[in-house]
C-alpha cells in the first residue's frame, strides 16, 4: 500500500484532521514528519488512494497543510 503524509502546522491540526477523516470513514494516523522536513512538524498518514477525498475534506474544514510527502 502506498502511503502519503500530509504535513500540518501543528500536532493539534493533525489531530483535528485525523478526527475529521475518521468521521468520514477514512483511515488516518497522526505521525511526526520525517527529519528532512523543517522543524518538529506533525502530519497525518493516509493511503494514496484516499488523497483526493482527504484534500477535499481538509479544504472544506479549512485545515491547512504545507506539503505532501511520499513515504516508503
Protein backbone atom coordinates (compact mmCIF):
# COMPACT_ATOMS: atom_id res chain seq x y z
CA UNK A 1 0.00 0.00 0.00
CA UNK A 2 1.33 3.39 -0.94
CA UNK A 3 1.05 5.98 1.79
CA UNK A 4 1.41 9.74 1.98
CA UNK A 5 1.98 12.14 4.88
CA UNK A 6 0.11 15.42 4.74
CA UNK A 7 2.19 17.80 6.85
CA UNK A 8 0.22 20.17 9.06
CA UNK A 9 1.49 23.14 11.02
CA UNK A 10 0.93 21.58 14.43
CA UNK A 11 0.04 18.46 16.33
CA UNK A 12 -3.37 19.99 17.10
CA UNK A 13 -4.13 20.43 13.39
CA UNK A 14 -3.04 16.86 12.71
CA UNK A 15 -5.37 15.54 15.43
CA UNK A 16 -8.28 17.61 14.07
CA UNK A 17 -7.58 16.27 10.58
CA UNK A 18 -7.44 12.67 11.84
CA UNK A 19 -10.80 13.05 13.60
CA UNK A 20 -12.37 14.61 10.51
CA UNK A 21 -11.12 11.85 8.23
CA UNK A 22 -12.20 9.05 10.56
CA UNK A 23 -15.63 10.66 10.90
CA UNK A 24 -15.85 10.39 7.10
CA UNK A 25 -14.80 6.74 7.00
CA UNK A 26 -11.13 7.18 6.11
CA UNK A 27 -8.15 5.72 7.92
CA UNK A 28 -5.57 8.20 9.20
CA UNK A 29 -2.75 8.21 11.71
CA UNK A 30 -1.01 11.19 13.34
CA UNK A 31 2.74 11.00 12.72
CA UNK A 32 5.83 13.18 13.02
CA UNK A 33 7.03 14.48 9.68
CA UNK A 34 10.33 12.93 8.52
CA UNK A 35 13.54 14.59 9.71
CA UNK A 36 14.22 16.24 6.36
CA UNK A 37 11.10 18.35 6.91
CA UNK A 38 11.86 21.61 8.70
CA UNK A 39 11.45 21.71 12.46
CA UNK A 40 9.29 19.46 14.58
CA UNK A 41 6.21 19.09 12.44
CA UNK A 42 3.33 16.68 12.53
CA UNK A 43 1.08 15.29 9.87
CA UNK A 44 -1.43 12.62 9.05
CA UNK A 45 -0.52 9.45 7.23
CA UNK A 46 -3.12 8.26 4.74
CA UNK A 47 -3.48 5.84 1.87
CA UNK A 48 -2.53 7.30 -1.51
CA UNK A 49 -5.91 6.21 -2.86
CA UNK A 50 -7.62 8.43 -0.25
CA UNK A 51 -5.59 11.54 -1.12
CA UNK A 52 -8.13 13.35 -3.35
CA UNK A 53 -11.00 12.83 -0.87
CA UNK A 54 -8.74 13.79 2.04
CA UNK A 55 -7.64 17.05 0.42
CA UNK A 56 -11.25 17.92 -0.34
CA UNK A 57 -12.30 17.32 3.28
CA UNK A 58 -9.36 19.31 4.65
CA UNK A 59 -10.19 22.21 2.35
CA UNK A 60 -13.85 22.24 3.38
CA UNK A 61 -12.83 22.19 7.06
CA UNK A 62 -10.14 24.85 6.46
CA UNK A 63 -7.40 22.69 7.92
CA UNK A 64 -4.14 23.92 6.41
CA UNK A 65 -1.25 21.75 5.31
CA UNK A 66 2.16 22.67 3.98
CA UNK A 67 3.22 19.68 1.90
CA UNK A 68 2.53 16.10 0.95
CA UNK A 69 5.37 13.63 1.46
CA UNK A 70 5.71 10.18 -0.12
CA UNK A 71 6.52 7.50 2.45
CA UNK A 72 8.34 4.21 2.00
